PDB file of N, CA and C in Angstrom:
ATOM      1  N   UNK A   1      20.752 249.298 141.054  1.00  0.00           N
ATOM      2  CA  UNK A   1      20.294 248.428 142.115  1.00  0.00           C
ATOM      3  C   UNK A   1      21.398 248.359 143.178  1.00  0.00           C
ATOM      4  N   UNK A   2      21.036 248.560 144.407  1.00  0.00           N
ATOM      5  CA  UNK A   2      22.016 248.486 145.487  1.00  0.00           C
ATOM      6  C   UNK A   2      22.462 247.047 145.655  1.00  0.00           C
ATOM      7  N   UNK A   3      23.735 246.889 145.780  1.00  0.00           N
ATOM      8  CA  UNK A   3      24.259 245.536 145.920  1.00  0.00           C
ATOM      9  C   UNK A   3      24.253 245.118 147.379  1.00  0.00           C
ATOM     10  N   UNK A   4      23.829 243.940 147.614  1.00  0.00           N
ATOM     11  CA  UNK A   4      23.812 243.389 148.966  1.00  0.00           C
ATOM     12  C   UNK A   4      23.538 241.906 148.860  1.00  0.00           C
ATOM     13  N   UNK A   5      23.688 241.248 149.969  1.00  0.00           N
ATOM     14  CA  UNK A   5      23.464 239.819 149.920  1.00  0.00           C
ATOM     15  C   UNK A   5      21.970 239.509 150.000  1.00  0.00           C
ATOM     16  N   UNK A   6      21.623 238.389 149.509  1.00  0.00           N
ATOM     17  CA  UNK A   6      20.231 237.951 149.517  1.00  0.00           C
ATOM     18  C   UNK A   6      19.756 237.731 150.951  1.00  0.00           C
ATOM     19  N   UNK A   7      20.618 237.250 151.811  1.00  0.00           N
ATOM     20  CA  UNK A   7      20.251 237.027 153.207  1.00  0.00           C
ATOM     21  C   UNK A   7      19.928 238.348 153.906  1.00  0.00           C
ATOM     22  N   UNK A   8      20.681 239.407 153.618  1.00  0.00           N
ATOM     23  CA  UNK A   8      20.383 240.721 154.194  1.00  0.00           C
ATOM     24  C   UNK A   8      18.998 241.186 153.776  1.00  0.00           C
ATOM     25  N   UNK A   9      18.680 241.032 152.501  1.00  0.00           N
ATOM     26  CA  UNK A   9      17.365 241.422 152.007  1.00  0.00           C
ATOM     27  C   UNK A   9      16.267 240.648 152.727  1.00  0.00           C
ATOM     28  N   UNK A  10      16.436 239.352 152.853  1.00  0.00           N
ATOM     29  CA  UNK A  10      15.406 238.534 153.472  1.00  0.00           C
ATOM     30  C   UNK A  10      15.243 238.837 154.955  1.00  0.00           C
ATOM     31  N   UNK A  11      16.318 239.142 155.656  1.00  0.00           N
ATOM     32  CA  UNK A  11      16.220 239.478 157.078  1.00  0.00           C
ATOM     33  C   UNK A  11      15.529 240.831 157.280  1.00  0.00           C
ATOM     34  N   UNK A  12      15.834 241.810 156.426  1.00  0.00           N
ATOM     35  CA  UNK A  12      15.158 243.108 156.509  1.00  0.00           C
ATOM     36  C   UNK A  12      13.684 242.956 156.168  1.00  0.00           C
ATOM     37  N   UNK A  13      13.391 242.160 155.180  1.00  0.00           N
ATOM     38  CA  UNK A  13      12.010 241.916 154.776  1.00  0.00           C
ATOM     39  C   UNK A  13      11.231 241.227 155.899  1.00  0.00           C
ATOM     40  N   UNK A  14      11.842 240.243 156.545  1.00  0.00           N
ATOM     41  CA  UNK A  14      11.207 239.556 157.663  1.00  0.00           C
ATOM     42  C   UNK A  14      10.947 240.520 158.824  1.00  0.00           C
ATOM     43  N   UNK A  15      11.889 241.399 159.094  1.00  0.00           N
ATOM     44  CA  UNK A  15      11.716 242.371 160.180  1.00  0.00           C
ATOM     45  C   UNK A  15      10.541 243.309 159.900  1.00  0.00           C
ATOM     46  N   UNK A  16      10.384 243.734 158.662  1.00  0.00           N
ATOM     47  CA  UNK A  16       9.268 244.618 158.301  1.00  0.00           C
ATOM     48  C   UNK A  16       7.936 243.896 158.490  1.00  0.00           C
ATOM     49  N   UNK A  17       7.820 242.685 157.985  1.00  0.00           N
ATOM     50  CA  UNK A  17       6.550 241.961 158.089  1.00  0.00           C
ATOM     51  C   UNK A  17       6.265 241.509 159.510  1.00  0.00           C
ATOM     52  N   UNK A  18       7.306 241.191 160.286  1.00  0.00           N
ATOM     53  CA  UNK A  18       7.103 240.841 161.687  1.00  0.00           C
ATOM     54  C   UNK A  18       6.600 242.061 162.467  1.00  0.00           C
ATOM     55  N   UNK A  19       7.167 243.221 162.170  1.00  0.00           N
ATOM     56  CA  UNK A  19       6.705 244.458 162.806  1.00  0.00           C
ATOM     57  C   UNK A  19       5.263 244.771 162.456  1.00  0.00           C
ATOM     58  N   UNK A  20       4.888 244.546 161.206  1.00  0.00           N
ATOM     59  CA  UNK A  20       3.495 244.776 160.797  1.00  0.00           C
ATOM     60  C   UNK A  20       2.552 243.818 161.519  1.00  0.00           C
ATOM     61  N   UNK A  21       2.936 242.557 161.622  1.00  0.00           N
ATOM     62  CA  UNK A  21       2.096 241.572 162.320  1.00  0.00           C
ATOM     63  C   UNK A  21       1.986 241.910 163.796  1.00  0.00           C
ATOM     64  N   UNK A  22       3.078 242.330 164.397  1.00  0.00           N
ATOM     65  CA  UNK A  22       3.067 242.705 165.808  1.00  0.00           C
ATOM     66  C   UNK A  22       2.175 243.925 166.042  1.00  0.00           C
ATOM     67  N   UNK A  23       2.243 244.895 165.134  1.00  0.00           N
ATOM     68  CA  UNK A  23       1.391 246.078 165.255  1.00  0.00           C
ATOM     69  C   UNK A  23      -0.081 245.749 165.155  1.00  0.00           C
ATOM     70  N   UNK A  24      -0.453 244.883 164.227  1.00  0.00           N
ATOM     71  CA  UNK A  24      -1.856 244.482 164.097  1.00  0.00           C
ATOM     72  C   UNK A  24      -2.288 243.671 165.306  1.00  0.00           C
ATOM     73  N   UNK A  25      -1.407 242.800 165.799  1.00  0.00           N
ATOM     74  CA  UNK A  25      -1.735 241.979 166.962  1.00  0.00           C
ATOM     75  C   UNK A  25      -2.002 242.840 168.193  1.00  0.00           C
ATOM     76  N   UNK A  26      -1.207 243.867 168.373  1.00  0.00           N
ATOM     77  CA  UNK A  26      -1.395 244.757 169.519  1.00  0.00           C
ATOM     78  C   UNK A  26      -2.638 245.623 169.332  1.00  0.00           C
ATOM     79  N   UNK A  27      -2.858 246.111 168.117  1.00  0.00           N
ATOM     80  CA  UNK A  27      -3.989 246.998 167.846  1.00  0.00           C
ATOM     81  C   UNK A  27      -5.328 246.272 167.876  1.00  0.00           C
ATOM     82  N   UNK A  28      -5.399 245.116 167.243  1.00  0.00           N
ATOM     83  CA  UNK A  28      -6.652 244.367 167.121  1.00  0.00           C
ATOM     84  C   UNK A  28      -6.366 242.916 167.510  1.00  0.00           C
ATOM     85  N   UNK A  29      -6.414 242.582 168.794  1.00  0.00           N
ATOM     86  CA  UNK A  29      -6.030 241.228 169.243  1.00  0.00           C
ATOM     87  C   UNK A  29      -6.840 240.097 168.616  1.00  0.00           C
ATOM     88  N   UNK A  30      -8.068 240.361 168.215  1.00  0.00           N
ATOM     89  CA  UNK A  30      -8.897 239.301 167.639  1.00  0.00           C
ATOM     90  C   UNK A  30      -8.360 238.831 166.276  1.00  0.00           C
ATOM     91  N   UNK A  31      -7.556 239.672 165.619  1.00  0.00           N
ATOM     92  CA  UNK A  31      -6.990 239.322 164.313  1.00  0.00           C
ATOM     93  C   UNK A  31      -5.560 238.782 164.415  1.00  0.00           C
ATOM     94  N   UNK A  32      -5.110 238.436 165.606  1.00  0.00           N
ATOM     95  CA  UNK A  32      -3.714 238.046 165.820  1.00  0.00           C
ATOM     96  C   UNK A  32      -3.298 236.861 164.940  1.00  0.00           C
ATOM     97  N   UNK A  33      -4.085 235.786 164.928  1.00  0.00           N
ATOM     98  CA  UNK A  33      -3.721 234.611 164.129  1.00  0.00           C
ATOM     99  C   UNK A  33      -3.695 234.925 162.639  1.00  0.00           C
ATOM    100  N   UNK A  34      -4.686 235.670 162.179  1.00  0.00           N
ATOM    101  CA  UNK A  34      -4.730 236.030 160.765  1.00  0.00           C
ATOM    102  C   UNK A  34      -3.563 236.937 160.385  1.00  0.00           C
ATOM    103  N   UNK A  35      -3.230 237.873 161.247  1.00  0.00           N
ATOM    104  CA  UNK A  35      -2.134 238.804 160.957  1.00  0.00           C
ATOM    105  C   UNK A  35      -0.806 238.074 160.870  1.00  0.00           C
ATOM    106  N   UNK A  36      -0.563 237.158 161.789  1.00  0.00           N
ATOM    107  CA  UNK A  36       0.702 236.417 161.778  1.00  0.00           C
ATOM    108  C   UNK A  36       0.774 235.508 160.554  1.00  0.00           C
ATOM    109  N   UNK A  37      -0.300 234.819 160.249  1.00  0.00           N
ATOM    110  CA  UNK A  37      -0.319 233.938 159.076  1.00  0.00           C
ATOM    111  C   UNK A  37      -0.135 234.686 157.771  1.00  0.00           C
ATOM    112  N   UNK A  38      -0.847 235.796 157.608  1.00  0.00           N
ATOM    113  CA  UNK A  38      -0.714 236.573 156.369  1.00  0.00           C
ATOM    114  C   UNK A  38       0.668 237.213 156.268  1.00  0.00           C
ATOM    115  N   UNK A  39       1.218 237.661 157.385  1.00  0.00           N
ATOM    116  CA  UNK A  39       2.558 238.252 157.354  1.00  0.00           C
ATOM    117  C   UNK A  39       3.599 237.222 156.944  1.00  0.00           C
ATOM    118  N   UNK A  40       3.499 236.006 157.460  1.00  0.00           N
ATOM    119  CA  UNK A  40       4.441 234.960 157.060  1.00  0.00           C
ATOM    120  C   UNK A  40       4.280 234.597 155.586  1.00  0.00           C
ATOM    121  N   UNK A  41       3.042 234.545 155.112  1.00  0.00           N
ATOM    122  CA  UNK A  41       2.803 234.236 153.699  1.00  0.00           C
ATOM    123  C   UNK A  41       3.369 235.333 152.797  1.00  0.00           C
ATOM    124  N   UNK A  42       3.103 236.587 153.136  1.00  0.00           N
ATOM    125  CA  UNK A  42       3.599 237.695 152.312  1.00  0.00           C
ATOM    126  C   UNK A  42       5.112 237.777 152.380  1.00  0.00           C
ATOM    127  N   UNK A  43       5.692 237.503 153.567  1.00  0.00           N
ATOM    128  CA  UNK A  43       7.150 237.499 153.672  1.00  0.00           C
ATOM    129  C   UNK A  43       7.748 236.418 152.770  1.00  0.00           C
ATOM    130  N   UNK A  44       7.160 235.231 152.781  1.00  0.00           N
ATOM    131  CA  UNK A  44       7.663 234.157 151.937  1.00  0.00           C
ATOM    132  C   UNK A  44       7.577 234.531 150.462  1.00  0.00           C
ATOM    133  N   UNK A  45       6.452 235.084 150.067  1.00  0.00           N
ATOM    134  CA  UNK A  45       6.276 235.501 148.678  1.00  0.00           C
ATOM    135  C   UNK A  45       7.276 236.594 148.304  1.00  0.00           C
ATOM    136  N   UNK A  46       7.413 237.605 149.153  1.00  0.00           N
ATOM    137  CA  UNK A  46       8.348 238.698 148.870  1.00  0.00           C
ATOM    138  C   UNK A  46       9.797 238.220 148.884  1.00  0.00           C
ATOM    139  N   UNK A  47      10.124 237.260 149.750  1.00  0.00           N
ATOM    140  CA  UNK A  47      11.489 236.731 149.800  1.00  0.00           C
ATOM    141  C   UNK A  47      11.835 235.991 148.516  1.00  0.00           C
ATOM    142  N   UNK A  48      10.901 235.229 147.995  1.00  0.00           N
ATOM    143  CA  UNK A  48      11.148 234.500 146.745  1.00  0.00           C
ATOM    144  C   UNK A  48      11.289 235.475 145.578  1.00  0.00           C
ATOM    145  N   UNK A  49      10.334 236.385 145.450  1.00  0.00           N
ATOM    146  CA  UNK A  49      10.382 237.349 144.340  1.00  0.00           C
ATOM    147  C   UNK A  49      11.598 238.258 144.472  1.00  0.00           C
ATOM    148  N   UNK A  50      11.851 238.767 145.677  1.00  0.00           N
ATOM    149  CA  UNK A  50      13.009 239.636 145.877  1.00  0.00           C
ATOM    150  C   UNK A  50      14.323 238.911 145.654  1.00  0.00           C
ATOM    151  N   UNK A  51      14.385 237.661 146.070  1.00  0.00           N
ATOM    152  CA  UNK A  51      15.590 236.877 145.830  1.00  0.00           C
ATOM    153  C   UNK A  51      15.858 236.673 144.354  1.00  0.00           C
ATOM    154  N   UNK A  52      14.791 236.462 143.597  1.00  0.00           N
ATOM    155  CA  UNK A  52      14.960 236.319 142.146  1.00  0.00           C
ATOM    156  C   UNK A  52      15.407 237.634 141.515  1.00  0.00           C
ATOM    157  N   UNK A  53      14.866 238.748 142.006  1.00  0.00           N
ATOM    158  CA  UNK A  53      15.279 240.050 141.474  1.00  0.00           C
ATOM    159  C   UNK A  53      16.743 240.305 141.794  1.00  0.00           C
ATOM    160  N   UNK A  54      17.160 239.978 143.009  1.00  0.00           N
ATOM    161  CA  UNK A  54      18.562 240.178 143.378  1.00  0.00           C
ATOM    162  C   UNK A  54      19.471 239.279 142.549  1.00  0.00           C
ATOM    163  N   UNK A  55      19.052 238.043 142.337  1.00  0.00           N
ATOM    164  CA  UNK A  55      19.899 237.095 141.602  1.00  0.00           C
ATOM    165  C   UNK A  55      19.972 237.404 140.108  1.00  0.00           C
ATOM    166  N   UNK A  56      18.823 237.731 139.507  1.00  0.00           N
ATOM    167  CA  UNK A  56      18.790 237.896 138.057  1.00  0.00           C
ATOM    168  C   UNK A  56      18.593 239.340 137.613  1.00  0.00           C
ATOM    169  N   UNK A  57      18.549 240.272 138.551  1.00  0.00           N
ATOM    170  CA  UNK A  57      18.302 241.679 138.210  1.00  0.00           C
ATOM    171  C   UNK A  57      19.456 242.301 137.454  1.00  0.00           C
ATOM    172  N   UNK A  58      19.165 243.464 136.894  1.00  0.00           N
ATOM    173  CA  UNK A  58      20.162 244.197 136.130  1.00  0.00           C
ATOM    174  C   UNK A  58      21.264 244.672 137.068  1.00  0.00           C
ATOM    175  N   UNK A  59      22.472 244.547 136.643  1.00  0.00           N
ATOM    176  CA  UNK A  59      23.611 244.977 137.451  1.00  0.00           C
ATOM    177  C   UNK A  59      24.325 246.108 136.720  1.00  0.00           C
ATOM    178  N   UNK A  60      24.781 247.079 137.501  1.00  0.00           N
ATOM    179  CA  UNK A  60      25.578 248.147 136.915  1.00  0.00           C
ATOM    180  C   UNK A  60      26.969 247.602 136.627  1.00  0.00           C
ATOM    181  N   UNK A  61      27.528 248.080 135.540  1.00  0.00           N
ATOM    182  CA  UNK A  61      28.861 247.622 135.180  1.00  0.00           C
ATOM    183  C   UNK A  61      29.877 248.295 136.068  1.00  0.00           C
ATOM    184  N   UNK A  62      30.848 247.522 136.533  1.00  0.00           N
ATOM    185  CA  UNK A  62      31.900 248.077 137.358  1.00  0.00           C
ATOM    186  C   UNK A  62      32.970 248.674 136.466  1.00  0.00           C
ATOM    187  N   UNK A  63      33.525 249.830 136.886  1.00  0.00           N
ATOM    188  CA  UNK A  63      34.599 250.429 136.079  1.00  0.00           C
ATOM    189  C   UNK A  63      35.856 249.554 136.111  1.00  0.00           C
ATOM    190  N   UNK A  64      36.564 249.539 135.014  1.00  0.00           N
ATOM    191  CA  UNK A  64      37.772 248.747 134.952  1.00  0.00           C
ATOM    192  C   UNK A  64      38.892 249.437 135.720  1.00  0.00           C
ATOM    193  N   UNK A  65      39.682 248.649 136.420  1.00  0.00           N
ATOM    194  CA  UNK A  65      40.815 249.198 137.153  1.00  0.00           C
ATOM    195  C   UNK A  65      42.030 249.177 136.271  1.00  0.00           C
ATOM    196  N   UNK A  66      42.775 250.297 136.272  1.00  0.00           N
ATOM    197  CA  UNK A  66      43.978 250.375 135.416  1.00  0.00           C
ATOM    198  C   UNK A  66      45.237 250.208 136.228  1.00  0.00           C
TER     199      UNK A  66
END
C-alpha cells in the first residue's frame, strides 16, 4: 500500500468526484443537481471507507537500520 496522508487521499478523491460532477453538468444540464448531490454523497462514502483503509490497512514492514 502506498503511504500517504489521509488528507492527500481525500483531496484527490474529491477532485475526481468534482470532475465527474462537472462533466455530467456540462454534458446533461438537466441532471446538474442530481450529479452534484450524488458526487458529494459518493465522495463522502469513499472518504470514510478510504480513510479507514489507510488507517487500519496492512502496512509493509520497514527494514531495520544498522
